[in-house]
Amino acid sequence: MMPDYDFSQVDAAIIDSQLNTARVFRDVLVRMSFRRIELFDSVKAAAGLLSAGTPDIILVDADGEDTEAFRFIRALRNEPNVPNPFACLIVTTWAPTPALLTRVTNSGGDDLLLKPVSPKQVQDRIATLIEGRKGFVVTADYTGPDRRKSPREGAQVPVLEAPNTLRLKATGQWSQAGVRMLLNEANGFVTAQKRIRASIQIAFLAEFAMPGLSRPVPDRLAVEHVGRIGGFLDDLLRRLTDEGDHAHVEAVARAVKSLAEDIHRQADKGAVSPDDAAELQTMVRALMQATDPERPLEAMTREVTAAVTGYRTRLEQMAQAKAAAAASAAQAASAAAGTPPPSGAPVAASAG
């Protein structure tokens, strides 16, 4: 039986293109005595939730061929001006594929609810969000529930007890002034962490690219990684708030952006200047130190190096798996055609 919560102050939004399904969810919430329940037939129609009147809980349908639902979730969690980026968020679907589950996890949704649903299922999920919601983590491109099985070596990503207005209202702990203070503090934490994690990500991209940039013809993957630096710098720069002195961070960030763009142009034409590549590595470390002056630079550098090493290992494993699959397919095709495998193709070892 569901605990005796009071939902008379709780606001909800339901985003679903199928009106009948939306009405089912609405009827359940009406019986639970929610104060206000808004229905939207598309993510576009619900765009106003990102700028004003963010409800305490949102149910958003993720079916369909496009990715609008996941863009909405990521915007809710990551855009700097959303009134309540910590709103509880349940994704709903008729087709719970592994790919969809991964997208829910990576976008920042709290839970996945499979249709058709019973009133008890909806009530149980809401009760879980009230009593057992996961803490949030903040990275350069993710804000949402902490789903890490174990933190990456050297990573320092604190867990935030995100303000849960659903819980505060349902358990009688709501006060306008108190919640405003909680949201301001949490948003300040997220803003600071976004700057720090963006600088770590920028350093990761630069360090990964270094070996490839040193070749006479720069490696394509290295050039792509340098090209991604600008986007993270833009996000970092827009999170430099009026509170605090961020002049030094801004100056370093703009210098890094200018140099990264110059290196990218050099790579498009041919060789990259070794001096510029070395300067980029020096400057991204200066950016890390500027955004997080309380943490030793050596610790941040070790974190970046560990992340690059792990990423290279995963790329190598993927390449090996792809090559093995291609060889296996070629061998199978040759066997089916009654011809020997191509010269140089590996032959699978027998089990015996």
Protein backbone atom coordinates (compact mmCIF):
# COMPACT_ATOMS: atom_id res chain seq x y z
CA MET A 1 0.00 0.00 0.00
CA MET A 2 1.26 3.47 -0.88
CA PRO A 3 2.27 5.64 2.10
CA ASP A 4 -0.03 8.50 3.04
CA TYR A 5 1.45 11.26 0.90
CA ASP A 6 -0.26 14.58 0.26
CA PHE A 7 -0.17 15.46 -3.45
CA SER A 8 -2.48 18.47 -3.19
CA GLN A 9 0.43 20.86 -3.87
CA VAL A 10 2.21 18.76 -6.51
CA ASP A 11 2.30 19.81 -10.17
CA ALA A 12 2.81 17.34 -13.03
CA ALA A 13 3.21 17.42 -16.80
CA ILE A 14 2.50 14.58 -19.23
CA ILE A 15 4.06 14.69 -22.72
CA ASP A 16 2.58 12.04 -25.00
CA SER A 17 1.40 12.16 -28.61
CA GLN A 18 -1.17 9.44 -27.93
CA LEU A 19 -4.08 11.19 -26.27
CA ASN A 20 -5.62 8.01 -24.87
CA THR A 21 -2.39 7.05 -23.12
CA ALA A 22 -1.95 10.57 -21.75
CA ARG A 23 -5.45 10.44 -20.34
CA VAL A 24 -4.70 7.17 -18.57
CA PHE A 25 -1.74 8.79 -16.81
CA ARG A 26 -3.77 11.90 -16.05
CA ASP A 27 -6.60 9.88 -14.53
CA VAL A 28 -4.15 8.10 -12.22
CA LEU A 29 -2.69 11.41 -11.05
CA VAL A 30 -6.16 12.91 -10.62
CA ARG A 31 -7.11 10.03 -8.32
CA MET A 32 -3.91 10.72 -6.36
CA SER A 33 -5.15 14.33 -5.92
CA PHE A 34 -2.34 16.11 -7.79
CA ARG A 35 -2.92 19.87 -7.82
CA ARG A 36 -2.23 20.55 -11.49
CA ILE A 37 -1.72 18.18 -14.41
CA GLU A 38 -0.80 19.60 -17.81
CA LEU A 39 -1.07 17.54 -20.99
CA PHE A 40 1.14 18.15 -24.04
CA ASP A 41 0.89 16.26 -27.32
CA SER A 42 4.52 16.92 -28.28
CA VAL A 43 7.87 17.97 -26.86
CA LYS A 44 7.63 21.16 -28.92
CA ALA A 45 4.34 22.06 -27.24
CA ALA A 46 5.98 21.50 -23.84
CA ALA A 47 9.01 23.71 -24.52
CA GLY A 48 7.70 26.33 -22.10
CA LEU A 49 8.45 23.97 -19.20
CA LEU A 50 12.14 24.74 -19.74
CA SER A 51 11.76 28.45 -19.15
CA ALA A 52 8.99 28.86 -16.59
CA GLY A 53 6.74 26.82 -14.35
CA THR A 54 8.80 23.63 -14.33
CA PRO A 55 6.56 21.04 -12.60
CA ASP A 56 7.63 18.67 -9.83
CA ILE A 57 7.32 15.56 -12.00
CA ILE A 58 7.23 15.02 -15.76
CA LEU A 59 6.18 11.90 -17.67
CA VAL A 60 7.54 12.01 -21.22
CA ASP A 61 6.89 9.48 -23.99
CA ALA A 62 10.05 8.33 -25.81
CA ASP A 63 8.48 6.36 -28.67
CA GLY A 64 8.81 7.51 -32.25
CA GLU A 65 11.59 7.82 -34.78
CA ASP A 66 13.06 11.13 -33.66
CA THR A 67 15.05 12.02 -30.56
CA GLU A 68 13.00 15.00 -29.41
CA ALA A 69 12.18 13.42 -26.05
CA PHE A 70 15.86 12.95 -25.23
CA ARG A 71 16.76 16.43 -26.42
CA PHE A 72 14.08 17.73 -24.05
CA ILE A 73 15.46 15.72 -21.13
CA ARG A 74 19.03 16.83 -21.77
CA ALA A 75 17.90 20.45 -22.09
CA LEU A 76 15.94 20.21 -18.85
CA ARG A 77 18.92 18.81 -17.00
CA ASN A 78 21.73 20.83 -18.59
CA GLU A 79 20.53 24.24 -19.80
CA PRO A 80 21.64 26.90 -17.31
CA ASN A 81 18.35 28.86 -17.10
CA VAL A 82 15.85 26.08 -16.38
CA PRO A 83 14.00 27.00 -13.14
CA ASN A 84 14.11 23.46 -11.76
CA PRO A 85 16.52 21.16 -13.63
CA PHE A 86 16.07 18.60 -10.83
CA ALA A 87 12.39 17.86 -11.55
CA CYS A 88 11.58 14.14 -11.31
CA LEU A 89 11.42 12.67 -14.80
CA ILE A 90 9.86 9.36 -15.84
CA VAL A 91 10.29 8.19 -19.43
CA THR A 92 7.44 6.08 -20.83
CA THR A 93 7.52 3.66 -23.76
CA TRP A 94 5.78 0.77 -25.49
CA ALA A 95 9.09 -0.63 -26.78
CA PRO A 96 11.79 -1.00 -24.08
CA THR A 97 14.75 -1.83 -26.31
CA PRO A 98 18.33 -1.91 -24.93
CA ALA A 99 19.13 1.12 -27.09
CA LEU A 100 16.26 3.09 -25.59
CA LEU A 101 17.29 2.13 -22.07
CA THR A 102 20.80 3.41 -22.81
CA ARG A 103 19.42 6.70 -24.08
CA VAL A 104 17.27 7.12 -20.97
CA THR A 105 20.34 6.50 -18.81
CA ASN A 106 22.58 8.85 -20.80
CA SER A 107 20.07 11.70 -21.00
CA GLY A 108 19.38 12.02 -17.27
CA GLY A 109 15.94 10.46 -16.84
CA ASP A 110 15.08 9.09 -13.41
CA ASP A 111 13.12 6.03 -14.44
CA LEU A 112 11.63 4.07 -17.36
CA LEU A 113 7.98 3.01 -17.23
CA LEU A 114 6.66 0.41 -19.67
CA LYS A 115 3.22 0.74 -21.23
CA PRO A 116 0.52 -0.36 -20.74
CA VAL A 117 0.58 0.64 -17.08
CA SER A 118 -1.58 0.00 -14.06
CA PRO A 119 -2.37 2.68 -11.48
CA LYS A 120 -0.28 0.75 -8.95
CA GLN A 121 2.79 0.83 -11.21
CA VAL A 122 2.56 4.59 -11.55
CA GLN A 123 2.03 5.00 -7.80
CA ASP A 124 4.97 2.72 -6.99
CA ARG A 125 7.36 4.65 -9.27
CA ILE A 126 6.28 7.94 -7.75
CA ALA A 127 6.78 6.53 -4.24
CA THR A 128 10.29 5.41 -5.23
CA LEU A 129 11.13 8.92 -6.46
CA ILE A 130 9.92 10.31 -3.14
CA GLU A 131 11.77 7.88 -0.88
CA GLY A 132 14.70 6.48 -2.85
CA ARG A 133 15.75 8.86 -5.58
CA LYS A 134 19.41 8.59 -6.60
CA GLY A 135 21.81 11.45 -6.01
CA PHE A 136 22.89 13.50 -9.03
CA VAL A 137 26.30 13.73 -10.65
CA VAL A 138 27.48 16.51 -12.94
CA THR A 139 29.87 16.07 -15.85
CA ALA A 140 30.72 18.21 -18.86
CA ASP A 141 27.75 16.87 -20.84
CA TYR A 142 25.56 15.11 -18.27
CA THR A 143 23.52 16.08 -15.23
CA GLY A 144 21.34 13.44 -13.65
CA PRO A 145 21.07 10.36 -11.45
CA ASP A 146 24.36 8.72 -10.48
CA ARG A 147 24.40 5.35 -12.26
CA ARG A 148 28.12 4.63 -11.93
CA LYS A 149 28.98 1.15 -10.72
CA SER A 150 32.34 2.51 -9.60
CA PRO A 151 33.97 5.92 -10.15
CA ARG A 152 36.67 6.12 -12.80
CA GLU A 153 40.22 6.02 -11.45
CA GLY A 154 41.30 9.45 -10.27
CA ALA A 155 37.93 11.06 -11.05
CA GLN A 156 36.61 13.47 -8.46
CA VAL A 157 32.89 13.82 -9.23
CA PRO A 158 30.90 14.62 -6.08
CA VAL A 159 27.32 13.42 -5.68
CA LEU A 160 24.63 16.08 -5.20
CA GLU A 161 21.49 15.46 -3.18
CA ALA A 162 19.35 17.18 -5.77
CA PRO A 163 16.38 19.22 -4.53
CA ASN A 164 13.29 17.03 -4.86
CA THR A 165 10.24 19.28 -4.87
CA LEU A 166 8.00 16.23 -5.36
CA ARG A 167 9.22 14.81 -2.07
CA LEU A 168 9.12 18.13 -0.22
CA LYS A 169 5.53 18.77 -1.25
CA ALA A 170 4.26 15.21 -0.80
CA THR A 171 5.74 14.92 2.69
CA GLY A 172 4.66 18.36 3.93
CA GLN A 173 8.16 19.90 4.00
CA TRP A 174 7.55 22.52 1.32
CA SER A 175 8.14 26.23 1.83
CA GLN A 176 8.57 28.70 -1.00
CA ALA A 177 11.56 30.46 0.56
CA GLY A 178 13.23 27.23 1.63
CA VAL A 179 12.91 25.61 -1.77
CA ARG A 180 14.16 28.73 -3.53
CA MET A 181 17.27 28.63 -1.36
CA LEU A 182 17.79 24.90 -2.05
CA LEU A 183 17.44 25.43 -5.80
CA ASN A 184 19.82 28.40 -5.80
CA GLU A 185 22.46 26.43 -3.89
CA ALA A 186 22.09 23.35 -6.09
CA ASN A 187 22.16 25.38 -9.31
CA GLY A 188 25.30 27.14 -8.09
CA PHE A 189 26.91 23.76 -7.40
CA VAL A 190 25.96 22.50 -10.87
CA THR A 191 27.31 25.64 -12.56
CA ALA A 192 30.66 25.33 -10.78
CA GLN A 193 30.90 21.62 -11.51
CA LYS A 194 30.04 22.17 -15.17
CA ARG A 195 32.95 24.59 -15.48
CA ILE A 196 35.33 22.19 -13.75
CA ARG A 197 34.22 19.13 -15.70
CA ALA A 198 34.32 21.06 -19.00
CA SER A 199 37.95 21.98 -18.34
CA ILE A 200 38.73 18.31 -17.58
CA GLN A 201 37.00 17.25 -20.81
CA ILE A 202 38.90 19.86 -22.82
CA ALA A 203 42.20 18.61 -21.38
CA PHE A 204 41.16 15.03 -22.21
CA LEU A 205 40.45 15.95 -25.84
CA ALA A 206 43.77 17.78 -26.17
CA GLU A 207 45.85 14.98 -24.59
CA PHE A 208 44.16 12.32 -26.69
CA ALA A 209 44.90 14.33 -29.85
CA MET A 210 48.59 15.00 -29.14
CA PRO A 211 50.14 11.87 -30.72
CA GLY A 212 47.95 12.15 -33.83
CA LEU A 213 48.70 15.83 -34.28
CA SER A 214 52.46 15.19 -34.33
CA ARG A 215 52.30 13.16 -37.56
CA PRO A 216 53.22 14.70 -40.92
CA VAL A 217 49.59 14.19 -41.92
CA PRO A 218 47.55 14.62 -38.71
CA ASP A 219 45.41 11.66 -37.70
CA ARG A 220 41.73 12.15 -38.56
CA LEU A 221 40.49 11.08 -35.12
CA ALA A 222 42.93 13.48 -33.44
CA VAL A 223 41.69 16.36 -35.58
CA GLU A 224 38.07 15.49 -34.74
CA HIS A 225 38.86 15.60 -31.03
CA VAL A 226 40.50 19.02 -31.35
CA GLY A 227 37.42 20.19 -33.22
CA ARG A 228 35.21 19.23 -30.26
CA ILE A 229 37.12 21.48 -27.85
CA GLY A 230 35.28 24.62 -28.98
CA GLY A 231 31.85 23.33 -27.97
CA PHE A 232 32.94 22.60 -24.40
CA LEU A 233 34.65 25.99 -24.19
CA ASP A 234 31.46 27.73 -25.32
CA ASP A 235 29.51 25.93 -22.59
CA LEU A 236 32.13 26.82 -19.99
CA LEU A 237 32.08 30.49 -21.01
CA ARG A 238 28.30 30.79 -20.80
CA ARG A 239 28.45 29.43 -17.26
CA LEU A 240 30.67 32.24 -16.01
CA THR A 241 28.10 33.94 -13.81
CA ASP A 242 28.03 37.51 -12.56
CA GLU A 243 28.82 36.23 -9.08
CA GLY A 244 32.55 35.95 -8.45
CA ASP A 245 35.61 37.08 -10.37
CA HIS A 246 35.90 34.92 -13.46
CA ALA A 247 38.06 37.25 -15.55
CA HIS A 248 41.09 34.94 -15.42
CA VAL A 249 39.05 31.84 -16.33
CA GLU A 250 37.46 33.69 -19.24
CA ALA A 251 40.82 34.95 -20.53
CA VAL A 252 42.39 31.48 -20.44
CA ALA A 253 39.30 29.85 -21.98
CA ARG A 254 39.23 32.30 -24.89
CA ALA A 255 42.97 31.82 -25.49
CA VAL A 256 42.52 28.03 -25.55
CA LYS A 257 39.63 28.36 -27.98
CA SER A 258 41.63 30.58 -30.33
CA LEU A 259 44.61 28.22 -30.30
CA ALA A 260 42.47 25.09 -30.76
CA GLU A 261 40.77 26.68 -33.77
CA ASP A 262 44.15 27.62 -35.24
CA ILE A 263 45.47 24.07 -34.77
CA HIS A 264 42.34 22.69 -36.40
CA ARG A 265 42.92 24.96 -39.42
CA GLN A 266 46.56 23.87 -39.61
CA ALA A 267 45.53 20.21 -39.52
CA ASP A 268 43.08 20.73 -42.38
CA LYS A 269 45.94 22.07 -44.52
CA GLY A 270 48.74 19.73 -43.43
CA ALA A 271 51.16 19.46 -40.53
CA VAL A 272 50.52 21.09 -37.14
CA SER A 273 53.20 23.25 -35.53
CA PRO A 274 54.80 21.25 -32.67
CA ASP A 275 55.11 24.46 -30.66
CA ASP A 276 51.38 25.15 -31.00
CA ALA A 277 50.49 21.59 -29.99
CA ALA A 278 52.72 21.83 -26.92
CA GLU A 279 51.26 25.25 -26.08
CA LEU A 280 47.73 23.83 -26.28
CA GLN A 281 48.58 21.15 -23.74
CA THR A 282 50.09 23.76 -21.41
CA MET A 283 47.09 26.07 -21.73
CA VAL A 284 44.43 23.41 -21.12
CA ARG A 285 46.22 22.54 -17.89
CA ALA A 286 46.19 26.21 -16.95
CA LEU A 287 42.44 26.20 -17.63
CA MET A 288 41.92 23.24 -15.30
CA GLN A 289 43.85 25.03 -12.57
CA ALA A 290 41.88 28.25 -13.12
CA THR A 291 38.48 26.54 -12.84
CA ASP A 292 39.41 24.42 -9.81
CA PRO A 293 42.24 26.19 -7.96
CA GLU A 294 41.70 24.17 -4.76
CA ARG A 295 42.55 20.84 -6.37
CA PRO A 296 46.21 20.01 -7.15
CA LEU A 297 46.99 20.20 -10.85
CA GLU A 298 48.87 16.90 -10.59
CA ALA A 299 45.69 15.14 -9.48
CA MET A 300 43.70 16.58 -12.38
CA THR A 301 46.42 15.66 -14.84
CA ARG A 302 46.46 12.08 -13.54
CA GLU A 303 42.69 11.90 -13.96
CA VAL A 304 42.95 13.07 -17.56
CA THR A 305 45.79 10.64 -18.37
CA ALA A 306 43.86 7.72 -16.85
CA ALA A 307 40.78 8.65 -18.88
CA VAL A 308 42.79 8.87 -22.12
CA THR A 309 44.45 5.50 -21.43
CA GLY A 310 41.09 3.86 -20.75
CA TYR A 311 39.58 5.40 -23.87
CA ARG A 312 42.44 4.21 -26.08
CA THR A 313 42.08 0.71 -24.65
CA ARG A 314 38.36 0.68 -25.48
CA LEU A 315 39.04 1.89 -29.02
CA GLU A 316 41.60 -0.87 -29.51
CA GLN A 317 39.19 -3.50 -28.18
CA MET A 318 36.47 -2.26 -30.52
CA ALA A 319 38.83 -2.35 -33.49
CA GLN A 320 39.94 -5.90 -32.62
CA ALA A 321 36.34 -7.05 -32.25
CA LYS A 322 35.42 -5.47 -35.59
CA ALA A 323 38.38 -7.11 -37.32
CA ALA A 324 37.55 -10.49 -35.80
CA ALA A 325 33.91 -10.18 -36.89
CA ALA A 326 34.96 -9.23 -40.43
CA ALA A 327 37.38 -12.17 -40.61
CA SER A 328 34.71 -14.54 -39.32
CA ALA A 329 32.20 -13.26 -41.87
CA ALA A 330 34.74 -13.62 -44.68
CA GLN A 331 35.56 -17.16 -43.58
CA ALA A 332 31.87 -18.07 -43.43
CA ALA A 333 31.25 -16.60 -46.87
CA SER A 334 34.23 -18.48 -48.30
CA ALA A 335 33.07 -21.74 -46.75
CA ALA A 336 29.56 -21.25 -48.14
CA ALA A 337 31.00 -20.58 -51.59
CA GLY A 338 33.39 -23.51 -51.37
CA THR A 339 36.44 -21.31 -51.88
CA PRO A 340 39.47 -20.77 -49.62
CA PRO A 341 39.51 -17.61 -47.47
CA PRO A 342 41.31 -14.54 -48.86
CA SER A 343 45.08 -14.59 -48.61
CA GLY A 344 46.20 -13.37 -45.23
CA ALA A 345 42.80 -13.83 -43.57
CA PRO A 346 43.07 -15.35 -40.09
CA VAL A 347 41.68 -18.83 -39.66
CA ALA A 348 39.73 -19.55 -36.48
CA ALA A 349 41.41 -22.09 -34.21
CA SER A 350 39.54 -25.34 -33.69
CA ALA A 351 37.98 -25.99 -30.30
CA GLY A 352 39.71 -29.34 -29.98
